N, C-alpha and C. Protein backbone atom coordinates (compact mmCIF):
# COMPACT_ATOMS: atom_id res chain seq x y z
N UNK A 1 -4.26 -4.39 -17.66
CA UNK A 1 -4.45 -4.63 -16.24
C UNK A 1 -4.06 -3.38 -15.46
N UNK A 2 -4.90 -2.98 -14.55
CA UNK A 2 -4.61 -1.82 -13.72
C UNK A 2 -3.59 -2.19 -12.66
N UNK A 3 -2.72 -1.24 -12.37
CA UNK A 3 -1.71 -1.45 -11.34
C UNK A 3 -2.35 -1.30 -9.96
N UNK A 4 -1.89 -2.09 -9.03
CA UNK A 4 -2.38 -1.97 -7.66
C UNK A 4 -1.78 -0.73 -7.00
N UNK A 5 -2.50 -0.21 -6.03
CA UNK A 5 -2.00 0.95 -5.29
C UNK A 5 -1.16 0.47 -4.11
N UNK A 6 -0.07 1.18 -3.89
CA UNK A 6 0.77 0.96 -2.72
C UNK A 6 1.02 2.31 -2.07
N UNK A 7 1.67 2.31 -0.92
CA UNK A 7 1.96 3.56 -0.22
C UNK A 7 3.41 3.99 -0.44
N UNK A 8 3.55 5.26 -0.77
CA UNK A 8 4.87 5.86 -0.92
C UNK A 8 5.09 6.84 0.22
N UNK A 9 6.30 6.87 0.77
CA UNK A 9 6.63 7.89 1.76
C UNK A 9 7.12 9.12 1.00
N UNK A 10 6.74 10.27 1.51
CA UNK A 10 7.08 11.53 0.86
C UNK A 10 8.08 12.31 1.70
N UNK A 11 8.80 13.21 1.07
CA UNK A 11 9.81 14.01 1.79
C UNK A 11 9.19 14.88 2.87
N UNK A 12 7.90 15.19 2.74
CA UNK A 12 7.23 16.02 3.75
C UNK A 12 6.94 15.23 5.03
N UNK A 13 7.14 13.89 4.98
CA UNK A 13 6.92 13.06 6.15
C UNK A 13 5.60 12.32 6.16
N UNK A 14 4.77 12.53 5.16
CA UNK A 14 3.49 11.84 5.07
C UNK A 14 3.57 10.70 4.06
N UNK A 15 2.46 9.99 3.88
CA UNK A 15 2.38 8.89 2.92
C UNK A 15 1.27 9.18 1.92
N UNK A 16 1.44 8.65 0.70
CA UNK A 16 0.44 8.84 -0.34
C UNK A 16 0.30 7.56 -1.16
N UNK A 17 -0.95 7.17 -1.48
CA UNK A 17 -1.13 5.99 -2.32
C UNK A 17 -0.95 6.34 -3.78
N UNK A 18 -0.40 5.41 -4.54
CA UNK A 18 -0.21 5.60 -5.98
C UNK A 18 0.04 4.22 -6.61
N UNK A 19 -0.02 4.13 -7.94
CA UNK A 19 0.22 2.84 -8.60
C UNK A 19 1.61 2.28 -8.27
N UNK A 20 1.70 0.98 -8.27
CA UNK A 20 2.94 0.29 -7.91
C UNK A 20 4.02 0.41 -8.97
N UNK A 21 3.81 1.20 -9.99
CA UNK A 21 4.77 1.31 -11.08
C UNK A 21 5.73 2.48 -10.93
N UNK A 22 5.55 3.33 -9.94
CA UNK A 22 6.41 4.51 -9.78
C UNK A 22 7.73 4.16 -9.10
N UNK A 23 8.82 4.67 -9.63
CA UNK A 23 10.12 4.50 -8.97
C UNK A 23 10.81 5.84 -8.74
N UNK A 24 10.18 6.90 -9.18
CA UNK A 24 10.71 8.25 -8.93
C UNK A 24 9.58 9.24 -9.16
N UNK A 25 9.86 10.50 -8.88
CA UNK A 25 8.87 11.54 -9.13
C UNK A 25 8.32 12.15 -7.87
N UNK A 26 7.11 12.66 -7.98
CA UNK A 26 6.48 13.31 -6.84
C UNK A 26 4.98 13.05 -6.87
N UNK A 27 4.37 13.22 -5.71
CA UNK A 27 2.93 13.01 -5.55
C UNK A 27 2.36 14.15 -4.72
N UNK A 28 1.07 14.37 -4.86
CA UNK A 28 0.43 15.40 -4.04
C UNK A 28 0.13 14.82 -2.66
N UNK A 29 0.53 15.54 -1.64
CA UNK A 29 0.27 15.13 -0.26
C UNK A 29 -1.11 15.63 0.15
N UNK A 30 -1.94 14.72 0.63
CA UNK A 30 -3.31 15.08 1.03
C UNK A 30 -3.33 15.95 2.28
N UNK A 31 -2.28 15.92 3.10
CA UNK A 31 -2.25 16.69 4.34
C UNK A 31 -1.64 18.08 4.11
N UNK A 32 -0.56 18.14 3.34
CA UNK A 32 0.12 19.42 3.10
C UNK A 32 -0.51 20.21 1.95
N UNK A 33 -1.27 19.52 1.09
CA UNK A 33 -1.86 20.12 -0.11
C UNK A 33 -0.79 20.70 -1.02
N UNK A 34 0.36 20.02 -1.07
CA UNK A 34 1.46 20.41 -1.94
C UNK A 34 2.02 19.15 -2.59
N UNK A 35 2.71 19.34 -3.69
CA UNK A 35 3.40 18.23 -4.35
C UNK A 35 4.71 17.99 -3.61
N UNK A 36 4.97 16.72 -3.26
CA UNK A 36 6.17 16.36 -2.51
C UNK A 36 6.88 15.21 -3.21
N UNK A 37 8.20 15.21 -3.13
CA UNK A 37 9.02 14.19 -3.78
C UNK A 37 8.89 12.85 -3.07
N UNK A 38 8.85 11.77 -3.83
CA UNK A 38 8.81 10.42 -3.26
C UNK A 38 10.18 10.12 -2.65
N UNK A 39 10.16 9.68 -1.38
CA UNK A 39 11.43 9.37 -0.71
C UNK A 39 11.59 7.88 -0.44
N UNK A 40 10.54 7.10 -0.62
CA UNK A 40 10.64 5.67 -0.37
C UNK A 40 9.31 4.97 -0.56
N UNK A 41 9.32 3.68 -0.30
CA UNK A 41 8.12 2.85 -0.42
C UNK A 41 7.83 2.24 0.94
N UNK A 42 6.59 2.32 1.38
CA UNK A 42 6.17 1.72 2.64
C UNK A 42 5.73 0.29 2.34
N UNK A 43 6.46 -0.69 2.87
CA UNK A 43 6.17 -2.08 2.53
C UNK A 43 5.24 -2.77 3.53
N UNK A 44 5.20 -2.32 4.76
CA UNK A 44 4.33 -2.93 5.78
C UNK A 44 3.01 -2.20 5.82
N UNK A 45 1.91 -2.95 5.67
CA UNK A 45 0.57 -2.39 5.66
C UNK A 45 -0.40 -3.31 6.39
N UNK A 46 -1.53 -2.77 6.75
CA UNK A 46 -2.62 -3.56 7.30
C UNK A 46 -3.40 -4.17 6.15
N UNK A 47 -3.89 -5.39 6.36
CA UNK A 47 -4.75 -6.01 5.36
C UNK A 47 -5.81 -6.86 6.04
N UNK A 48 -6.93 -7.03 5.33
CA UNK A 48 -7.99 -7.95 5.75
C UNK A 48 -7.80 -9.20 4.92
N UNK A 49 -7.59 -10.35 5.59
CA UNK A 49 -7.32 -11.60 4.88
C UNK A 49 -8.26 -12.68 5.39
N UNK A 50 -8.94 -13.34 4.43
CA UNK A 50 -9.87 -14.40 4.77
C UNK A 50 -9.12 -15.72 4.95
N UNK A 51 -9.48 -16.45 5.99
CA UNK A 51 -8.88 -17.75 6.27
C UNK A 51 -9.46 -18.82 5.35
N UNK A 52 -10.68 -18.60 4.87
CA UNK A 52 -11.42 -19.63 4.12
C UNK A 52 -11.37 -19.49 2.60
N UNK A 53 -10.87 -18.37 2.09
CA UNK A 53 -10.80 -18.18 0.64
C UNK A 53 -9.61 -17.27 0.31
N UNK A 54 -9.50 -16.86 -0.93
CA UNK A 54 -8.35 -16.07 -1.36
C UNK A 54 -8.53 -14.56 -1.17
N UNK A 55 -9.59 -14.14 -0.49
CA UNK A 55 -9.87 -12.72 -0.27
C UNK A 55 -8.76 -12.06 0.54
N UNK A 56 -8.21 -10.98 -0.01
CA UNK A 56 -7.25 -10.15 0.73
C UNK A 56 -7.39 -8.72 0.21
N UNK A 57 -7.49 -7.77 1.10
CA UNK A 57 -7.59 -6.36 0.74
C UNK A 57 -6.63 -5.57 1.59
N UNK A 58 -5.82 -4.73 0.92
CA UNK A 58 -4.81 -3.93 1.60
C UNK A 58 -5.43 -2.59 2.02
N UNK A 59 -5.13 -2.16 3.25
CA UNK A 59 -5.72 -0.95 3.80
C UNK A 59 -4.69 0.10 4.19
N UNK A 60 -3.47 -0.05 3.70
CA UNK A 60 -2.45 0.93 4.03
C UNK A 60 -2.12 0.94 5.51
N UNK A 61 -2.11 2.11 6.11
CA UNK A 61 -1.73 2.25 7.52
C UNK A 61 -2.93 2.26 8.46
N UNK A 62 -4.12 1.92 7.95
CA UNK A 62 -5.33 1.99 8.74
C UNK A 62 -5.84 0.61 9.16
N UNK A 63 -5.66 0.29 10.42
CA UNK A 63 -6.21 -0.96 10.95
C UNK A 63 -7.74 -0.89 10.96
N UNK A 64 -8.27 0.29 11.21
CA UNK A 64 -9.72 0.48 11.23
C UNK A 64 -10.35 0.08 9.90
N UNK A 65 -9.72 0.47 8.79
CA UNK A 65 -10.27 0.15 7.47
C UNK A 65 -10.27 -1.35 7.20
N UNK A 66 -9.33 -2.09 7.78
CA UNK A 66 -9.35 -3.55 7.59
C UNK A 66 -10.60 -4.14 8.24
N UNK A 67 -11.01 -3.57 9.35
CA UNK A 67 -12.25 -4.04 10.00
C UNK A 67 -13.46 -3.81 9.12
N UNK A 68 -13.51 -2.68 8.45
CA UNK A 68 -14.63 -2.38 7.55
C UNK A 68 -14.63 -3.38 6.39
N UNK A 69 -13.46 -3.63 5.82
CA UNK A 69 -13.35 -4.58 4.71
C UNK A 69 -13.71 -6.00 5.15
N UNK A 70 -13.23 -6.38 6.32
CA UNK A 70 -13.52 -7.71 6.86
C UNK A 70 -15.02 -7.88 7.07
N UNK A 71 -15.66 -6.88 7.67
CA UNK A 71 -17.11 -6.95 7.90
C UNK A 71 -17.90 -7.07 6.60
N UNK A 72 -17.46 -6.36 5.58
CA UNK A 72 -18.14 -6.45 4.27
C UNK A 72 -18.04 -7.85 3.69
N UNK A 73 -16.86 -8.47 3.80
CA UNK A 73 -16.68 -9.82 3.27
C UNK A 73 -17.53 -10.82 4.06
N UNK A 74 -17.55 -10.69 5.37
CA UNK A 74 -18.31 -11.61 6.22
C UNK A 74 -19.82 -11.44 6.00
N UNK A 75 -20.27 -10.22 5.69
CA UNK A 75 -21.69 -10.04 5.38
C UNK A 75 -22.09 -10.84 4.15
N UNK A 76 -21.18 -10.88 3.15
CA UNK A 76 -21.48 -11.63 1.93
C UNK A 76 -21.30 -13.14 2.10
N UNK A 77 -20.33 -13.50 2.95
CA UNK A 77 -20.01 -14.91 3.18
C UNK A 77 -19.96 -15.16 4.69
N UNK A 78 -21.12 -15.35 5.32
CA UNK A 78 -21.20 -15.45 6.78
C UNK A 78 -20.37 -16.57 7.41
N UNK A 79 -20.08 -17.63 6.67
CA UNK A 79 -19.32 -18.74 7.26
C UNK A 79 -17.81 -18.49 7.23
N UNK A 80 -17.36 -17.40 6.59
CA UNK A 80 -15.92 -17.12 6.47
C UNK A 80 -15.39 -16.39 7.70
N UNK A 81 -14.09 -16.55 7.93
CA UNK A 81 -13.39 -15.88 9.02
C UNK A 81 -12.33 -14.96 8.42
N UNK A 82 -12.42 -13.68 8.72
CA UNK A 82 -11.47 -12.71 8.17
C UNK A 82 -10.66 -12.12 9.31
N UNK A 83 -9.34 -12.05 9.11
CA UNK A 83 -8.43 -11.53 10.13
C UNK A 83 -7.80 -10.22 9.65
N UNK A 84 -7.50 -9.34 10.58
CA UNK A 84 -6.71 -8.15 10.28
C UNK A 84 -5.25 -8.49 10.56
N UNK A 85 -4.39 -8.26 9.58
CA UNK A 85 -2.98 -8.58 9.74
C UNK A 85 -2.13 -7.39 9.33
N UNK A 86 -1.01 -7.22 10.01
CA UNK A 86 -0.01 -6.22 9.65
C UNK A 86 1.13 -7.00 9.02
N UNK A 87 1.30 -6.86 7.70
CA UNK A 87 2.29 -7.68 7.00
C UNK A 87 2.85 -6.93 5.80
N UNK A 88 3.89 -7.51 5.20
CA UNK A 88 4.48 -6.89 4.03
C UNK A 88 3.60 -7.11 2.81
N UNK A 89 3.37 -6.04 2.08
CA UNK A 89 2.62 -6.10 0.83
C UNK A 89 3.59 -6.52 -0.27
N UNK A 90 3.36 -7.67 -0.93
CA UNK A 90 4.31 -8.15 -1.94
C UNK A 90 4.49 -7.17 -3.11
N UNK A 91 3.43 -6.46 -3.49
CA UNK A 91 3.56 -5.46 -4.55
C UNK A 91 4.47 -4.32 -4.12
N UNK A 92 4.35 -3.91 -2.86
CA UNK A 92 5.19 -2.82 -2.34
C UNK A 92 6.65 -3.27 -2.22
N UNK A 93 6.87 -4.51 -1.84
CA UNK A 93 8.24 -5.03 -1.72
C UNK A 93 8.92 -5.02 -3.09
N UNK A 94 8.20 -5.47 -4.12
CA UNK A 94 8.76 -5.49 -5.47
C UNK A 94 9.08 -4.07 -5.95
N UNK A 95 8.18 -3.13 -5.66
CA UNK A 95 8.40 -1.75 -6.06
C UNK A 95 9.55 -1.14 -5.26
N UNK A 96 9.68 -1.49 -3.98
CA UNK A 96 10.78 -0.98 -3.16
C UNK A 96 12.12 -1.43 -3.72
N UNK A 97 12.19 -2.66 -4.20
CA UNK A 97 13.43 -3.15 -4.81
C UNK A 97 13.76 -2.34 -6.06
N UNK A 98 12.75 -2.08 -6.89
CA UNK A 98 12.96 -1.28 -8.10
C UNK A 98 13.34 0.15 -7.74
N UNK A 99 12.71 0.69 -6.69
CA UNK A 99 12.99 2.05 -6.24
C UNK A 99 14.45 2.16 -5.80
N UNK A 100 14.93 1.18 -5.04
CA UNK A 100 16.33 1.19 -4.57
C UNK A 100 17.29 1.10 -5.76
N UNK A 101 16.98 0.25 -6.71
CA UNK A 101 17.84 0.12 -7.90
C UNK A 101 17.87 1.43 -8.69
N UNK A 102 16.71 2.07 -8.80
CA UNK A 102 16.62 3.33 -9.54
C UNK A 102 17.41 4.43 -8.84
N UNK A 103 17.35 4.47 -7.51
CA UNK A 103 18.07 5.49 -6.75
C UNK A 103 19.58 5.32 -6.86
N UNK A 104 20.03 4.07 -7.10
CA UNK A 104 21.46 3.81 -7.22
C UNK A 104 22.02 4.11 -8.59
N UNK A 105 21.17 4.46 -9.55
CA UNK A 105 21.63 4.76 -10.91
C UNK A 105 22.47 6.01 -10.92
N UNK A 106 23.42 6.04 -11.83
CA UNK A 106 24.24 7.24 -12.01
C UNK A 106 23.58 8.15 -13.03
N UNK A 107 23.60 9.46 -12.81
CA UNK A 107 22.98 10.38 -13.77
C UNK A 107 23.70 10.32 -15.12
N UNK A 108 22.94 10.57 -16.17
CA UNK A 108 23.49 10.50 -17.54
C UNK A 108 24.41 11.67 -17.82
């Protein structure tokens, strides 16, 4: 099973998407074009969520992208109602807990 992508905050001040399995390390920043150390996990994100079915798609920090996702779902299922919501991503919350535990470890 592929890991879902979540957003990590970087020391450079930007955010980068990566698999939900990371608890340390560094990622390439798309804005700085440099590798930056992970400083935390962003748990609040925008998502497109259908009221009529189990459809939910996470869009990170872009409310605009939730509209695109919602429109795509409604085109396929015209009777459905899709809302844009700003809420905690459960995958990101779980990773944030692991990240905090990892940061509290004592070096060997």
